[in-house]
Amino acid sequence: MRKVLVFDLTENPYPDVDELLKKLNPSTKAAHEGDTKLHDLVRNGKVGEWKQNFSPEQLRRLEATIREKTAGSAVMNLWKDVRAEALHMC
């Protein structure tokens, strides 16, 4: 016997879309499943603002992690000028 799944989509062609959109919207509690301790944070987004937000020690640790995670890849060459400036600040 074949199993058949039937949906009545006459009233709402996408029955779960409203709930899905709530979960995808970071400004709603539903996005974090009601956990009010979780939230998204957007900084000013100014070019070069990272210089004010990272200590030299944090920059060293970040660079070490970047080197470890991207070993064998040239992807970080895209930001080599920014990385050189960051390393100079360390």
C-alpha atoms as a PDB file:
ATOM      1  CA  MET A   1       0.000   0.000   0.000  1.00  0.00           C
ATOM      2  CA  ARG A   2       1.301   3.455  -0.883  1.00  0.00           C
ATOM      3  CA  LYS A   3       1.358   6.191   1.761  1.00  0.00           C
ATOM      4  CA  VAL A   4      -0.098   9.494   0.648  1.00  0.00           C
ATOM      5  CA  LEU A   5       0.310  12.857   2.319  1.00  0.00           C
ATOM      6  CA  VAL A   6      -2.399  15.406   1.607  1.00  0.00           C
ATOM      7  CA  PHE A   7      -2.406  19.123   2.450  1.00  0.00           C
ATOM      8  CA  ASP A   8      -5.306  21.516   1.980  1.00  0.00           C
ATOM      9  CA  LEU A   9      -3.568  24.617   0.668  1.00  0.00           C
ATOM     10  CA  THR A  10      -6.656  26.503  -0.507  1.00  0.00           C
ATOM     11  CA  GLU A  11      -6.706  29.016   2.364  1.00  0.00           C
ATOM     12  CA  ASN A  12      -2.971  29.347   2.942  1.00  0.00           C
ATOM     13  CA  PRO A  13      -0.710  27.956   0.222  1.00  0.00           C
ATOM     14  CA  TYR A  14       2.268  28.059   2.594  1.00  0.00           C
ATOM     15  CA  PRO A  15       0.957  27.018   6.008  1.00  0.00           C
ATOM     16  CA  ASP A  16       4.251  27.331   7.883  1.00  0.00           C
ATOM     17  CA  VAL A  17       5.619  30.428   6.176  1.00  0.00           C
ATOM     18  CA  ASP A  18       4.413  32.870   8.850  1.00  0.00           C
ATOM     19  CA  GLU A  19       6.056  30.876  11.628  1.00  0.00           C
ATOM     20  CA  LEU A  20       9.207  30.447   9.570  1.00  0.00           C
ATOM     21  CA  LEU A  21       9.443  34.187   8.912  1.00  0.00           C
ATOM     22  CA  LYS A  22       9.100  34.889  12.634  1.00  0.00           C
ATOM     23  CA  LYS A  23      11.980  32.540  13.371  1.00  0.00           C
ATOM     24  CA  LEU A  24      14.133  34.078  10.649  1.00  0.00           C
ATOM     25  CA  ASN A  25      13.547  37.626  11.892  1.00  0.00           C
ATOM     26  CA  PRO A  26      16.315  38.369  14.427  1.00  0.00           C
ATOM     27  CA  SER A  27      14.260  41.138  16.039  1.00  0.00           C
ATOM     28  CA  THR A  28      11.681  38.688  17.395  1.00  0.00           C
ATOM     29  CA  LYS A  29      11.922  36.474  20.443  1.00  0.00           C
ATOM     30  CA  ALA A  30      10.853  33.569  18.248  1.00  0.00           C
ATOM     31  CA  ALA A  31      14.155  33.875  16.388  1.00  0.00           C
ATOM     32  CA  HIS A  32      15.902  32.799  19.577  1.00  0.00           C
ATOM     33  CA  GLU A  33      13.154  30.420  20.649  1.00  0.00           C
ATOM     34  CA  GLY A  34      12.134  32.706  23.502  1.00  0.00           C
ATOM     35  CA  ASP A  35      15.590  32.958  25.065  1.00  0.00           C
ATOM     36  CA  THR A  36      15.816  36.630  26.020  1.00  0.00           C
ATOM     37  CA  LYS A  37      19.520  36.277  26.860  1.00  0.00           C
ATOM     38  CA  LEU A  38      20.326  35.741  23.192  1.00  0.00           C
ATOM     39  CA  HIS A  39      20.321  38.721  20.902  1.00  0.00           C
ATOM     40  CA  ASP A  40      21.942  39.990  17.749  1.00  0.00           C
ATOM     41  CA  LEU A  41      24.279  42.925  17.947  1.00  0.00           C
ATOM     42  CA  VAL A  42      25.178  45.208  15.096  1.00  0.00           C
ATOM     43  CA  ARG A  43      27.972  47.689  15.700  1.00  0.00           C
ATOM     44  CA  ASN A  44      28.271  51.001  13.891  1.00  0.00           C
ATOM     45  CA  GLY A  45      29.777  49.302  10.871  1.00  0.00           C
ATOM     46  CA  LYS A  46      32.302  52.040  10.181  1.00  0.00           C
ATOM     47  CA  VAL A  47      35.353  51.238   8.081  1.00  0.00           C
ATOM     48  CA  GLY A  48      38.333  50.664  10.366  1.00  0.00           C
ATOM     49  CA  GLU A  49      36.233  50.539  13.538  1.00  0.00           C
ATOM     50  CA  TRP A  50      37.826  47.211  14.418  1.00  0.00           C
ATOM     51  CA  LYS A  51      40.921  49.132  15.550  1.00  0.00           C
ATOM     52  CA  GLN A  52      38.968  50.523  18.487  1.00  0.00           C
ATOM     53  CA  ASN A  53      37.430  47.192  19.463  1.00  0.00           C
ATOM     54  CA  PHE A  54      40.407  44.805  19.612  1.00  0.00           C
ATOM     55  CA  SER A  55      43.373  44.842  21.946  1.00  0.00           C
ATOM     56  CA  PRO A  56      46.820  43.847  20.605  1.00  0.00           C
ATOM     57  CA  GLU A  57      46.477  40.498  22.413  1.00  0.00           C
ATOM     58  CA  GLN A  58      43.088  39.848  20.802  1.00  0.00           C
ATOM     59  CA  LEU A  59      44.557  40.689  17.387  1.00  0.00           C
ATOM     60  CA  ARG A  60      47.421  38.216  17.948  1.00  0.00           C
ATOM     61  CA  ARG A  61      44.990  35.465  18.964  1.00  0.00           C
ATOM     62  CA  LEU A  62      42.703  36.239  16.032  1.00  0.00           C
ATOM     63  CA  GLU A  63      45.601  36.135  13.568  1.00  0.00           C
ATOM     64  CA  ALA A  64      46.791  32.794  15.002  1.00  0.00           C
ATOM     65  CA  THR A  65      43.294  31.339  14.607  1.00  0.00           C
ATOM     66  CA  ILE A  66      42.992  32.698  11.064  1.00  0.00           C
ATOM     67  CA  ARG A  67      46.329  31.142  10.096  1.00  0.00           C
ATOM     68  CA  GLU A  68      45.288  27.802  11.600  1.00  0.00           C
ATOM     69  CA  LYS A  69      41.836  27.708   9.982  1.00  0.00           C
ATOM     70  CA  THR A  70      42.950  28.895   6.532  1.00  0.00           C
ATOM     71  CA  ALA A  71      46.218  26.989   6.224  1.00  0.00           C
ATOM     72  CA  GLY A  72      46.760  25.939   2.617  1.00  0.00           C
ATOM     73  CA  SER A  73      44.210  28.433   1.299  1.00  0.00           C
ATOM     74  CA  ALA A  74      44.782  31.790  -0.358  1.00  0.00           C
ATOM     75  CA  VAL A  75      41.422  33.186   0.765  1.00  0.00           C
ATOM     76  CA  MET A  76      42.941  35.541   3.334  1.00  0.00           C
ATOM     77  CA  ASN A  77      45.028  37.239   0.644  1.00  0.00           C
ATOM     78  CA  LEU A  78      41.863  39.210  -0.046  1.00  0.00           C
ATOM     79  CA  TRP A  79      42.464  41.073   3.221  1.00  0.00           C
ATOM     80  CA  LYS A  80      46.251  41.074   3.371  1.00  0.00           C
ATOM     81  CA  ASP A  81      46.463  44.880   3.590  1.00  0.00           C
ATOM     82  CA  VAL A  82      44.066  44.959   6.557  1.00  0.00           C
ATOM     83  CA  ARG A  83      45.839  42.027   8.194  1.00  0.00           C
ATOM     84  CA  ALA A  84      49.215  43.715   7.733  1.00  0.00           C
ATOM     85  CA  GLU A  85      47.852  46.810   9.474  1.00  0.00           C
ATOM     86  CA  ALA A  86      46.464  44.687  12.302  1.00  0.00           C
ATOM     87  CA  LEU A  87      49.765  42.852  12.735  1.00  0.00           C
ATOM     88  CA  HIS A  88      51.575  46.189  12.823  1.00  0.00           C
ATOM     89  CA  MET A  89      49.298  47.217  15.727  1.00  0.00           C
ATOM     90  CA  CYS A  90      50.278  44.116  17.700  1.00  0.00           C
END
